[in-house]
């Protein structure tokens, strides 16, 4: 799991992407790394958390400072290409939810 250390405590937005992968990599891993790098330099990007299990079920949550930043990311040319490949090659199904995060807080594990 990639843990996001940069999510603010104040109000922001989360894009929740849940998916079921198709079998095989078919270039997915390289594209996912490329999209992570590209997203990280987009205006308004705050961070990402992602996990996928052995069956191919996954969830990625990206955090953004505004709905406008999310819209701009959705329209970014390389991201559009990745979305099309995802629909054709990488995902049996997926779902996207955009949520407003009103408040966030966390706890760190104890050190012994």
PDB file of N, CA and C in Angstrom:
ATOM      1  N   UNK A   1       0.846  -1.181   0.000  1.00  0.00           N
ATOM      2  CA  UNK A   1       0.000   0.000   0.000  1.00  0.00           C
ATOM      3  C   UNK A   1       0.884   1.234   0.000  1.00  0.00           C
ATOM      4  N   UNK A   2       0.576   2.154  -0.860  1.00  0.00           N
ATOM      5  CA  UNK A   2       1.232   3.450  -0.841  1.00  0.00           C
ATOM      6  C   UNK A   2       0.468   4.314   0.143  1.00  0.00           C
ATOM      7  N   UNK A   3       1.149   4.800   1.167  1.00  0.00           N
ATOM      8  CA  UNK A   3       0.472   5.625   2.160  1.00  0.00           C
ATOM      9  C   UNK A   3       0.775   7.091   1.900  1.00  0.00           C
ATOM     10  N   UNK A   4      -0.256   7.874   1.883  1.00  0.00           N
ATOM     11  CA  UNK A   4      -0.156   9.295   1.601  1.00  0.00           C
ATOM     12  C   UNK A   4       0.135  10.065   2.879  1.00  0.00           C
ATOM     13  N   UNK A   5       1.265  10.722   2.923  1.00  0.00           N
ATOM     14  CA  UNK A   5       1.637  11.518   4.094  1.00  0.00           C
ATOM     15  C   UNK A   5       1.292  12.997   3.932  1.00  0.00           C
ATOM     16  N   UNK A   6       0.740  13.382   2.772  1.00  0.00           N
ATOM     17  CA  UNK A   6       0.576  14.805   2.483  1.00  0.00           C
ATOM     18  C   UNK A   6      -0.874  15.260   2.430  1.00  0.00           C
ATOM     19  N   UNK A   7      -1.810  14.419   2.858  1.00  0.00           N
ATOM     20  CA  UNK A   7      -3.212  14.807   2.835  1.00  0.00           C
ATOM     21  C   UNK A   7      -3.465  15.814   3.946  1.00  0.00           C
ATOM     22  N   UNK A   8      -4.043  16.958   3.611  1.00  0.00           N
ATOM     23  CA  UNK A   8      -4.282  17.971   4.644  1.00  0.00           C
ATOM     24  C   UNK A   8      -5.404  17.560   5.588  1.00  0.00           C
ATOM     25  N   UNK A   9      -5.430  18.147   6.767  1.00  0.00           N
ATOM     26  CA  UNK A   9      -6.499  17.893   7.724  1.00  0.00           C
ATOM     27  C   UNK A   9      -7.758  18.657   7.352  1.00  0.00           C
ATOM     28  N   UNK A  10      -7.609  19.739   6.597  1.00  0.00           N
ATOM     29  CA  UNK A  10      -8.758  20.553   6.231  1.00  0.00           C
ATOM     30  C   UNK A  10      -9.461  19.980   4.995  1.00  0.00           C
ATOM     31  N   UNK A  11     -10.547  20.604   4.634  1.00  0.00           N
ATOM     32  CA  UNK A  11     -11.386  20.155   3.527  1.00  0.00           C
ATOM     33  C   UNK A  11     -10.611  20.024   2.214  1.00  0.00           C
ATOM     34  N   UNK A  12     -10.867  18.928   1.505  1.00  0.00           N
ATOM     35  CA  UNK A  12     -10.278  18.661   0.195  1.00  0.00           C
ATOM     36  C   UNK A  12     -11.141  17.608  -0.487  1.00  0.00           C
ATOM     37  N   UNK A  13     -10.723  17.099  -1.615  1.00  0.00           N
ATOM     38  CA  UNK A  13     -11.511  16.131  -2.373  1.00  0.00           C
ATOM     39  C   UNK A  13     -10.740  14.834  -2.559  1.00  0.00           C
ATOM     40  N   UNK A  14     -11.494  13.743  -2.633  1.00  0.00           N
ATOM     41  CA  UNK A  14     -10.916  12.426  -2.867  1.00  0.00           C
ATOM     42  C   UNK A  14     -11.604  11.794  -4.074  1.00  0.00           C
ATOM     43  N   UNK A  15     -10.803  11.232  -4.975  1.00  0.00           N
ATOM     44  CA  UNK A  15     -11.322  10.450  -6.081  1.00  0.00           C
ATOM     45  C   UNK A  15     -11.037   8.996  -5.740  1.00  0.00           C
ATOM     46  N   UNK A  16     -12.098   8.219  -5.562  1.00  0.00           N
ATOM     47  CA  UNK A  16     -11.983   6.815  -5.173  1.00  0.00           C
ATOM     48  C   UNK A  16     -12.212   5.965  -6.418  1.00  0.00           C
ATOM     49  N   UNK A  17     -11.173   5.243  -6.822  1.00  0.00           N
ATOM     50  CA  UNK A  17     -11.212   4.401  -8.013  1.00  0.00           C
ATOM     51  C   UNK A  17     -11.083   2.949  -7.567  1.00  0.00           C
ATOM     52  N   UNK A  18     -12.171   2.186  -7.676  1.00  0.00           N
ATOM     53  CA  UNK A  18     -12.135   0.771  -7.363  1.00  0.00           C
ATOM     54  C   UNK A  18     -12.184  -0.005  -8.671  1.00  0.00           C
ATOM     55  N   UNK A  19     -11.466  -1.126  -8.712  1.00  0.00           N
ATOM     56  CA  UNK A  19     -11.386  -1.846  -9.974  1.00  0.00           C
ATOM     57  C   UNK A  19     -11.098  -3.324  -9.762  1.00  0.00           C
ATOM     58  N   UNK A  20     -11.385  -4.078 -10.794  1.00  0.00           N
ATOM     59  CA  UNK A  20     -10.997  -5.475 -10.884  1.00  0.00           C
ATOM     60  C   UNK A  20     -10.164  -5.615 -12.142  1.00  0.00           C
ATOM     61  N   UNK A  21      -8.907  -6.005 -11.985  1.00  0.00           N
ATOM     62  CA  UNK A  21      -7.977  -6.143 -13.113  1.00  0.00           C
ATOM     63  C   UNK A  21      -8.278  -7.370 -13.944  1.00  0.00           C
ATOM     64  N   UNK A  22      -7.898  -7.300 -15.210  1.00  0.00           N
ATOM     65  CA  UNK A  22      -7.890  -8.462 -16.085  1.00  0.00           C
ATOM     66  C   UNK A  22      -6.604  -9.243 -15.802  1.00  0.00           C
ATOM     67  N   UNK A  23      -6.536 -10.516 -16.189  1.00  0.00           N
ATOM     68  CA  UNK A  23      -5.299 -11.291 -15.973  1.00  0.00           C
ATOM     69  C   UNK A  23      -4.126 -10.741 -16.792  1.00  0.00           C
ATOM     70  N   UNK A  24      -2.920 -10.889 -16.258  1.00  0.00           N
ATOM     71  CA  UNK A  24      -1.714 -10.460 -16.970  1.00  0.00           C
ATOM     72  C   UNK A  24      -1.445  -8.975 -16.804  1.00  0.00           C
ATOM     73  N   UNK A  25      -0.200  -8.594 -17.031  1.00  0.00           N
ATOM     74  CA  UNK A  25       0.185  -7.190 -16.863  1.00  0.00           C
ATOM     75  C   UNK A  25      -0.160  -6.345 -18.078  1.00  0.00           C
ATOM     76  N   UNK A  26       0.215  -6.795 -19.262  1.00  0.00           N
ATOM     77  CA  UNK A  26      -0.095  -6.098 -20.516  1.00  0.00           C
ATOM     78  C   UNK A  26       0.279  -4.618 -20.496  1.00  0.00           C
ATOM     79  N   UNK A  27       1.393  -4.277 -19.816  1.00  0.00           N
ATOM     80  CA  UNK A  27       1.852  -2.894 -19.759  1.00  0.00           C
ATOM     81  C   UNK A  27       1.235  -2.072 -18.648  1.00  0.00           C
ATOM     82  N   UNK A  28       0.398  -2.683 -17.839  1.00  0.00           N
ATOM     83  CA  UNK A  28      -0.306  -1.948 -16.786  1.00  0.00           C
ATOM     84  C   UNK A  28       0.651  -1.324 -15.770  1.00  0.00           C
ATOM     85  N   UNK A  29       1.599  -2.107 -15.266  1.00  0.00           N
ATOM     86  CA  UNK A  29       2.495  -1.626 -14.216  1.00  0.00           C
ATOM     87  C   UNK A  29       3.262  -0.374 -14.664  1.00  0.00           C
ATOM     88  N   UNK A  30       3.805  -0.402 -15.868  1.00  0.00           N
ATOM     89  CA  UNK A  30       4.551   0.753 -16.380  1.00  0.00           C
ATOM     90  C   UNK A  30       3.650   1.975 -16.517  1.00  0.00           C
ATOM     91  N   UNK A  31       2.442   1.769 -17.027  1.00  0.00           N
ATOM     92  CA  UNK A  31       1.520   2.890 -17.187  1.00  0.00           C
ATOM     93  C   UNK A  31       1.094   3.439 -15.828  1.00  0.00           C
ATOM     94  N   UNK A  32       0.855   2.565 -14.858  1.00  0.00           N
ATOM     95  CA  UNK A  32       0.472   3.023 -13.523  1.00  0.00           C
ATOM     96  C   UNK A  32       1.567   3.889 -12.911  1.00  0.00           C
ATOM     97  N   UNK A  33       2.817   3.477 -13.059  1.00  0.00           N
ATOM     98  CA  UNK A  33       3.932   4.282 -12.545  1.00  0.00           C
ATOM     99  C   UNK A  33       4.006   5.621 -13.260  1.00  0.00           C
ATOM    100  N   UNK A  34       3.812   5.612 -14.571  1.00  0.00           N
ATOM    101  CA  UNK A  34       3.835   6.851 -15.350  1.00  0.00           C
ATOM    102  C   UNK A  34       2.711   7.791 -14.900  1.00  0.00           C
ATOM    103  N   UNK A  35       1.515   7.259 -14.665  1.00  0.00           N
ATOM    104  CA  UNK A  35       0.389   8.088 -14.229  1.00  0.00           C
ATOM    105  C   UNK A  35       0.625   8.630 -12.827  1.00  0.00           C
ATOM    106  N   UNK A  36       1.229   7.842 -11.944  1.00  0.00           N
ATOM    107  CA  UNK A  36       1.557   8.337 -10.599  1.00  0.00           C
ATOM    108  C   UNK A  36       2.503   9.534 -10.682  1.00  0.00           C
ATOM    109  N   UNK A  37       3.534   9.412 -11.525  1.00  0.00           N
ATOM    110  CA  UNK A  37       4.494  10.520 -11.679  1.00  0.00           C
ATOM    111  C   UNK A  37       3.807  11.757 -12.275  1.00  0.00           C
ATOM    112  N   UNK A  38       2.984  11.537 -13.293  1.00  0.00           N
ATOM    113  CA  UNK A  38       2.309  12.652 -13.952  1.00  0.00           C
ATOM    114  C   UNK A  38       1.315  13.334 -13.017  1.00  0.00           C
ATOM    115  N   UNK A  39       0.541  12.537 -12.282  1.00  0.00           N
ATOM    116  CA  UNK A  39      -0.431  13.119 -11.347  1.00  0.00           C
ATOM    117  C   UNK A  39       0.268  13.961 -10.284  1.00  0.00           C
ATOM    118  N   UNK A  40       1.424  13.491  -9.827  1.00  0.00           N
ATOM    119  CA  UNK A  40       2.117  14.165  -8.722  1.00  0.00           C
ATOM    120  C   UNK A  40       2.561  15.582  -9.062  1.00  0.00           C
ATOM    121  N   UNK A  41       2.642  15.924 -10.341  1.00  0.00           N
ATOM    122  CA  UNK A  41       3.053  17.278 -10.730  1.00  0.00           C
ATOM    123  C   UNK A  41       1.880  18.124 -11.226  1.00  0.00           C
ATOM    124  N   UNK A  42       0.668  17.591 -11.118  1.00  0.00           N
ATOM    125  CA  UNK A  42      -0.504  18.354 -11.548  1.00  0.00           C
ATOM    126  C   UNK A  42      -0.874  19.389 -10.494  1.00  0.00           C
ATOM    127  N   UNK A  43      -1.260  20.585 -10.927  1.00  0.00           N
ATOM    128  CA  UNK A  43      -1.727  21.582  -9.960  1.00  0.00           C
ATOM    129  C   UNK A  43      -2.920  21.031  -9.168  1.00  0.00           C
ATOM    130  N   UNK A  44      -2.861  21.179  -7.857  1.00  0.00           N
ATOM    131  CA  UNK A  44      -3.955  20.749  -6.995  1.00  0.00           C
ATOM    132  C   UNK A  44      -3.837  19.331  -6.478  1.00  0.00           C
ATOM    133  N   UNK A  45      -2.856  18.557  -6.963  1.00  0.00           N
ATOM    134  CA  UNK A  45      -2.676  17.190  -6.485  1.00  0.00           C
ATOM    135  C   UNK A  45      -2.099  17.213  -5.074  1.00  0.00           C
ATOM    136  N   UNK A  46      -2.686  16.394  -4.177  1.00  0.00           N
ATOM    137  CA  UNK A  46      -2.241  16.360  -2.791  1.00  0.00           C
ATOM    138  C   UNK A  46      -1.602  15.038  -2.389  1.00  0.00           C
ATOM    139  N   UNK A  47      -1.940  13.944  -3.082  1.00  0.00           N
ATOM    140  CA  UNK A  47      -1.367  12.651  -2.724  1.00  0.00           C
ATOM    141  C   UNK A  47      -2.229  11.513  -3.211  1.00  0.00           C
ATOM    142  N   UNK A  48      -1.779  10.287  -2.911  1.00  0.00           N
ATOM    143  CA  UNK A  48      -2.499   9.095  -3.368  1.00  0.00           C
ATOM    144  C   UNK A  48      -2.245   7.940  -2.401  1.00  0.00           C
ATOM    145  N   UNK A  49      -3.263   7.103  -2.230  1.00  0.00           N
ATOM    146  CA  UNK A  49      -3.161   5.829  -1.522  1.00  0.00           C
ATOM    147  C   UNK A  49      -3.639   4.766  -2.492  1.00  0.00           C
ATOM    148  N   UNK A  50      -2.973   3.613  -2.522  1.00  0.00           N
ATOM    149  CA  UNK A  50      -3.365   2.572  -3.461  1.00  0.00           C
ATOM    150  C   UNK A  50      -3.026   1.196  -2.915  1.00  0.00           C
ATOM    151  N   UNK A  51      -3.905   0.230  -3.179  1.00  0.00           N
ATOM    152  CA  UNK A  51      -3.675  -1.154  -2.783  1.00  0.00           C
ATOM    153  C   UNK A  51      -4.396  -2.075  -3.770  1.00  0.00           C
ATOM    154  N   UNK A  52      -3.782  -3.237  -4.033  1.00  0.00           N
ATOM    155  CA  UNK A  52      -4.400  -4.236  -4.905  1.00  0.00           C
ATOM    156  C   UNK A  52      -4.095  -5.602  -4.306  1.00  0.00           C
ATOM    157  N   UNK A  53      -5.096  -6.498  -4.276  1.00  0.00           N
ATOM    158  CA  UNK A  53      -4.857  -7.829  -3.719  1.00  0.00           C
ATOM    159  C   UNK A  53      -4.516  -8.831  -4.814  1.00  0.00           C
ATOM    160  N   UNK A  54      -4.226 -10.056  -4.409  1.00  0.00           N
ATOM    161  CA  UNK A  54      -3.777 -11.091  -5.348  1.00  0.00           C
ATOM    162  C   UNK A  54      -4.834 -11.443  -6.391  1.00  0.00           C
ATOM    163  N   UNK A  55      -6.112 -11.218  -6.097  1.00  0.00           N
ATOM    164  CA  UNK A  55      -7.176 -11.519  -7.058  1.00  0.00           C
ATOM    165  C   UNK A  55      -7.317 -10.443  -8.128  1.00  0.00           C
ATOM    166  N   UNK A  56      -6.616  -9.306  -7.941  1.00  0.00           N
ATOM    167  CA  UNK A  56      -6.705  -8.199  -8.892  1.00  0.00           C
ATOM    168  C   UNK A  56      -7.665  -7.107  -8.476  1.00  0.00           C
ATOM    169  N   UNK A  57      -8.340  -7.265  -7.331  1.00  0.00           N
ATOM    170  CA  UNK A  57      -9.228  -6.213  -6.830  1.00  0.00           C
ATOM    171  C   UNK A  57      -8.368  -5.099  -6.244  1.00  0.00           C
ATOM    172  N   UNK A  58      -8.693  -3.860  -6.592  1.00  0.00           N
ATOM    173  CA  UNK A  58      -7.879  -2.759  -6.106  1.00  0.00           C
ATOM    174  C   UNK A  58      -8.678  -1.518  -5.804  1.00  0.00           C
ATOM    175  N   UNK A  59      -8.047  -0.648  -5.036  1.00  0.00           N
ATOM    176  CA  UNK A  59      -8.619   0.660  -4.745  1.00  0.00           C
ATOM    177  C   UNK A  59      -7.487   1.678  -4.735  1.00  0.00           C
ATOM    178  N   UNK A  60      -7.720   2.765  -5.441  1.00  0.00           N
ATOM    179  CA  UNK A  60      -6.785   3.883  -5.454  1.00  0.00           C
ATOM    180  C   UNK A  60      -7.572   5.126  -5.093  1.00  0.00           C
ATOM    181  N   UNK A  61      -7.065   5.877  -4.139  1.00  0.00           N
ATOM    182  CA  UNK A  61      -7.704   7.126  -3.737  1.00  0.00           C
ATOM    183  C   UNK A  61      -6.700   8.242  -3.961  1.00  0.00           C
ATOM    184  N   UNK A  62      -7.062   9.160  -4.835  1.00  0.00           N
ATOM    185  CA  UNK A  62      -6.213  10.334  -5.042  1.00  0.00           C
ATOM    186  C   UNK A  62      -6.886  11.532  -4.382  1.00  0.00           C
ATOM    187  N   UNK A  63      -6.062  12.447  -3.900  1.00  0.00           N
ATOM    188  CA  UNK A  63      -6.540  13.595  -3.136  1.00  0.00           C
ATOM    189  C   UNK A  63      -6.195  14.879  -3.877  1.00  0.00           C
ATOM    190  N   UNK A  64      -7.157  15.798  -3.915  1.00  0.00           N
ATOM    191  CA  UNK A  64      -7.037  17.017  -4.709  1.00  0.00           C
ATOM    192  C   UNK A  64      -7.570  18.199  -3.921  1.00  0.00           C
ATOM    193  N   UNK A  65      -7.061  19.387  -4.216  1.00  0.00           N
ATOM    194  CA  UNK A  65      -7.499  20.566  -3.478  1.00  0.00           C
ATOM    195  C   UNK A  65      -8.794  21.178  -4.007  1.00  0.00           C
ATOM    196  N   UNK A  66      -9.248  20.771  -5.211  1.00  0.00           N
ATOM    197  CA  UNK A  66     -10.462  21.350  -5.772  1.00  0.00           C
ATOM    198  C   UNK A  66     -11.078  20.430  -6.824  1.00  0.00           C
ATOM    199  N   UNK A  67     -12.356  20.658  -7.099  1.00  0.00           N
ATOM    200  CA  UNK A  67     -13.018  19.926  -8.185  1.00  0.00           C
ATOM    201  C   UNK A  67     -12.420  20.305  -9.533  1.00  0.00           C
ATOM    202  N   UNK A  68     -11.992  21.555  -9.667  1.00  0.00           N
ATOM    203  CA  UNK A  68     -11.356  21.992 -10.913  1.00  0.00           C
ATOM    204  C   UNK A  68     -10.071  21.196 -11.183  1.00  0.00           C
ATOM    205  N   UNK A  69      -9.277  20.965 -10.153  1.00  0.00           N
ATOM    206  CA  UNK A  69      -8.048  20.182 -10.315  1.00  0.00           C
ATOM    207  C   UNK A  69      -8.376  18.759 -10.766  1.00  0.00           C
ATOM    208  N   UNK A  70      -9.450  18.185 -10.226  1.00  0.00           N
ATOM    209  CA  UNK A  70      -9.870  16.838 -10.630  1.00  0.00           C
ATOM    210  C   UNK A  70     -10.297  16.842 -12.089  1.00  0.00           C
ATOM    211  N   UNK A  71     -11.096  17.827 -12.485  1.00  0.00           N
ATOM    212  CA  UNK A  71     -11.528  17.929 -13.892  1.00  0.00           C
ATOM    213  C   UNK A  71     -10.328  18.066 -14.818  1.00  0.00           C
ATOM    214  N   UNK A  72      -9.351  18.880 -14.439  1.00  0.00           N
ATOM    215  CA  UNK A  72      -8.162  19.063 -15.279  1.00  0.00           C
ATOM    216  C   UNK A  72      -7.374  17.760 -15.411  1.00  0.00           C
ATOM    217  N   UNK A  73      -7.251  17.001 -14.325  1.00  0.00           N
ATOM    218  CA  UNK A  73      -6.551  15.723 -14.381  1.00  0.00           C
ATOM    219  C   UNK A  73      -7.305  14.747 -15.287  1.00  0.00           C
ATOM    220  N   UNK A  74      -8.613  14.719 -15.174  1.00  0.00           N
ATOM    221  CA  UNK A  74      -9.413  13.812 -16.001  1.00  0.00           C
ATOM    222  C   UNK A  74      -9.205  14.104 -17.486  1.00  0.00           C
ATOM    223  N   UNK A  75      -8.961  15.374 -17.827  1.00  0.00           N
ATOM    224  CA  UNK A  75      -8.803  15.790 -19.230  1.00  0.00           C
ATOM    225  C   UNK A  75      -7.361  15.773 -19.722  1.00  0.00           C
ATOM    226  N   UNK A  76      -6.400  15.482 -18.849  1.00  0.00           N
ATOM    227  CA  UNK A  76      -4.993  15.495 -19.245  1.00  0.00           C
ATOM    228  C   UNK A  76      -4.774  14.427 -20.322  1.00  0.00           C
ATOM    229  N   UNK A  77      -4.084  14.787 -21.396  1.00  0.00           N
ATOM    230  CA  UNK A  77      -3.991  13.932 -22.587  1.00  0.00           C
ATOM    231  C   UNK A  77      -3.439  12.538 -22.310  1.00  0.00           C
ATOM    232  N   UNK A  78      -2.332  12.429 -21.605  1.00  0.00           N
ATOM    233  CA  UNK A  78      -1.763  11.112 -21.304  1.00  0.00           C
ATOM    234  C   UNK A  78      -2.689  10.299 -20.403  1.00  0.00           C
ATOM    235  N   UNK A  79      -3.372  10.987 -19.501  1.00  0.00           N
ATOM    236  CA  UNK A  79      -4.329  10.299 -18.628  1.00  0.00           C
ATOM    237  C   UNK A  79      -5.523   9.792 -19.441  1.00  0.00           C
ATOM    238  N   UNK A  80      -5.971  10.565 -20.423  1.00  0.00           N
ATOM    239  CA  UNK A  80      -7.051  10.112 -21.305  1.00  0.00           C
ATOM    240  C   UNK A  80      -6.651   8.844 -22.049  1.00  0.00           C
ATOM    241  N   UNK A  81      -5.409   8.805 -22.537  1.00  0.00           N
ATOM    242  CA  UNK A  81      -4.911   7.601 -23.217  1.00  0.00           C
ATOM    243  C   UNK A  81      -4.909   6.403 -22.272  1.00  0.00           C
ATOM    244  N   UNK A  82      -4.444   6.603 -21.047  1.00  0.00           N
ATOM    245  CA  UNK A  82      -4.415   5.518 -20.063  1.00  0.00           C
ATOM    246  C   UNK A  82      -5.832   5.044 -19.737  1.00  0.00           C
ATOM    247  N   UNK A  83      -6.781   5.980 -19.647  1.00  0.00           N
ATOM    248  CA  UNK A  83      -8.167   5.612 -19.381  1.00  0.00           C
ATOM    249  C   UNK A  83      -8.713   4.711 -20.491  1.00  0.00           C
ATOM    250  N   UNK A  84      -8.432   5.051 -21.738  1.00  0.00           N
ATOM    251  CA  UNK A  84      -8.910   4.246 -22.865  1.00  0.00           C
ATOM    252  C   UNK A  84      -8.301   2.849 -22.842  1.00  0.00           C
ATOM    253  N   UNK A  85      -7.002   2.770 -22.576  1.00  0.00           N
ATOM    254  CA  UNK A  85      -6.364   1.448 -22.478  1.00  0.00           C
ATOM    255  C   UNK A  85      -6.947   0.649 -21.324  1.00  0.00           C
ATOM    256  N   UNK A  86      -7.219   1.321 -20.221  1.00  0.00           N
ATOM    257  CA  UNK A  86      -7.819   0.645 -19.073  1.00  0.00           C
ATOM    258  C   UNK A  86      -9.151   0.023 -19.427  1.00  0.00           C
ATOM    259  N   UNK A  87      -9.986   0.758 -20.119  1.00  0.00           N
ATOM    260  CA  UNK A  87     -11.304   0.243 -20.516  1.00  0.00           C
ATOM    261  C   UNK A  87     -11.177  -0.955 -21.448  1.00  0.00           C
ATOM    262  N   UNK A  88     -10.196  -0.915 -22.346  1.00  0.00           N
ATOM    263  CA  UNK A  88     -10.044  -1.971 -23.350  1.00  0.00           C
ATOM    264  C   UNK A  88      -9.249  -3.173 -22.852  1.00  0.00           C
ATOM    265  N   UNK A  89      -8.206  -2.932 -22.022  1.00  0.00           N
ATOM    266  CA  UNK A  89      -7.235  -3.984 -21.717  1.00  0.00           C
ATOM    267  C   UNK A  89      -7.111  -4.384 -20.255  1.00  0.00           C
ATOM    268  N   UNK A  90      -7.215  -3.448 -19.314  1.00  0.00           N
ATOM    269  CA  UNK A  90      -6.764  -3.696 -17.956  1.00  0.00           C
ATOM    270  C   UNK A  90      -7.851  -3.964 -16.928  1.00  0.00           C
ATOM    271  N   UNK A  91      -9.064  -3.512 -17.166  1.00  0.00           N
ATOM    272  CA  UNK A  91     -10.092  -3.623 -16.135  1.00  0.00           C
ATOM    273  C   UNK A  91     -11.286  -4.439 -16.611  1.00  0.00           C
ATOM    274  N   UNK A  92     -11.665  -5.427 -15.789  1.00  0.00           N
ATOM    275  CA  UNK A  92     -12.920  -6.130 -16.034  1.00  0.00           C
ATOM    276  C   UNK A  92     -14.077  -5.188 -15.721  1.00  0.00           C
ATOM    277  N   UNK A  93     -13.921  -4.418 -14.659  1.00  0.00           N
ATOM    278  CA  UNK A  93     -14.882  -3.371 -14.306  1.00  0.00           C
ATOM    279  C   UNK A  93     -14.193  -2.389 -13.363  1.00  0.00           C
ATOM    280  N   UNK A  94     -14.754  -1.208 -13.277  1.00  0.00           N
ATOM    281  CA  UNK A  94     -14.237  -0.193 -12.365  1.00  0.00           C
ATOM    282  C   UNK A  94     -15.359   0.748 -11.977  1.00  0.00           C
ATOM    283  N   UNK A  95     -15.122   1.512 -10.928  1.00  0.00           N
ATOM    284  CA  UNK A  95     -16.074   2.510 -10.465  1.00  0.00           C
ATOM    285  C   UNK A  95     -15.290   3.697  -9.922  1.00  0.00           C
ATOM    286  N   UNK A  96     -15.790   4.891 -10.185  1.00  0.00           N
ATOM    287  CA  UNK A  96     -15.160   6.114  -9.707  1.00  0.00           C
ATOM    288  C   UNK A  96     -16.170   6.877  -8.851  1.00  0.00           C
ATOM    289  N   UNK A  97     -15.708   7.326  -7.691  1.00  0.00           N
ATOM    290  CA  UNK A  97     -16.520   8.163  -6.810  1.00  0.00           C
ATOM    291  C   UNK A  97     -15.691   9.389  -6.466  1.00  0.00           C
ATOM    292  N   UNK A  98     -16.308  10.553  -6.508  1.00  0.00           N
ATOM    293  CA  UNK A  98     -15.642  11.791  -6.108  1.00  0.00           C
ATOM    294  C   UNK A  98     -16.338  12.292  -4.851  1.00  0.00           C
ATOM    295  N   UNK A  99     -15.555  12.485  -3.802  1.00  0.00           N
ATOM    296  CA  UNK A  99     -16.092  12.830  -2.484  1.00  0.00           C
ATOM    297  C   UNK A  99     -15.407  14.069  -1.927  1.00  0.00           C
ATOM    298  N   UNK A 100     -16.137  14.806  -1.149  1.00  0.00           N
ATOM    299  CA  UNK A 100     -15.529  15.912  -0.417  1.00  0.00           C
ATOM    300  C   UNK A 100     -15.155  15.409   0.971  1.00  0.00           C
ATOM    301  N   UNK A 101     -13.908  15.600   1.339  1.00  0.00           N
ATOM    302  CA  UNK A 101     -13.413  15.229   2.666  1.00  0.00           C
ATOM    303  C   UNK A 101     -13.531  16.472   3.539  1.00  0.00           C
ATOM    304  N   UNK A 102     -14.389  16.398   4.534  1.00  0.00           N
ATOM    305  CA  UNK A 102     -14.611  17.541   5.420  1.00  0.00           C
ATOM    306  C   UNK A 102     -13.524  17.659   6.475  1.00  0.00           C
ATOM    307  N   UNK A 103     -13.027  16.501   6.914  1.00  0.00           N
ATOM    308  CA  UNK A 103     -12.038  16.488   7.976  1.00  0.00           C
ATOM    309  C   UNK A 103     -11.250  15.195   7.858  1.00  0.00           C
ATOM    310  N   UNK A 104      -9.995  15.218   8.216  1.00  0.00           N
ATOM    311  CA  UNK A 104      -9.162  14.014   8.199  1.00  0.00           C
ATOM    312  C   UNK A 104      -8.265  14.026   9.427  1.00  0.00           C
ATOM    313  N   UNK A 105      -8.029  12.861   9.986  1.00  0.00           N
ATOM    314  CA  UNK A 105      -7.100  12.725  11.103  1.00  0.00           C
ATOM    315  C   UNK A 105      -6.554  11.316  11.094  1.00  0.00           C
ATOM    316  N   UNK A 106      -5.450  11.090  11.785  1.00  0.00           N
ATOM    317  CA  UNK A 106      -4.833   9.768  11.792  1.00  0.00           C
ATOM    318  C   UNK A 106      -4.162   9.521  13.133  1.00  0.00           C
ATOM    319  N   UNK A 107      -3.766   8.276  13.304  1.00  0.00           N
ATOM    320  CA  UNK A 107      -3.025   7.866  14.488  1.00  0.00           C
ATOM    321  C   UNK A 107      -1.855   7.025  14.039  1.00  0.00           C
ATOM    322  N   UNK A 108      -0.729   7.205  14.612  1.00  0.00           N
ATOM    323  CA  UNK A 108       0.443   6.392  14.307  1.00  0.00           C
ATOM    324  C   UNK A 108       0.518   5.268  15.327  1.00  0.00           C
ATOM    325  N   UNK A 109       1.024   4.112  14.867  1.00  0.00           N
ATOM    326  CA  UNK A 109       1.195   2.963  15.752  1.00  0.00           C
ATOM    327  C   UNK A 109       2.206   3.262  16.835  1.00  0.00           C
ATOM    328  N   UNK A 110       2.140   2.512  17.912  1.00  0.00           N
ATOM    329  CA  UNK A 110       3.072   2.687  19.019  1.00  0.00           C
ATOM    330  C   UNK A 110       4.446   2.122  18.666  1.00  0.00           C
ATOM    331  N   UNK A 111       5.454   2.772  19.156  1.00  0.00           N
ATOM    332  CA  UNK A 111       6.820   2.242  19.034  1.00  0.00           C
ATOM    333  C   UNK A 111       7.163   1.541  20.337  1.00  0.00           C
ATOM    334  N   UNK A 112       7.756   0.368  20.242  1.00  0.00           N
ATOM    335  CA  UNK A 112       8.160  -0.360  21.456  1.00  0.00           C
ATOM    336  C   UNK A 112       9.615  -0.161  21.735  1.00  0.00           C
TER     337      UNK A 112
END
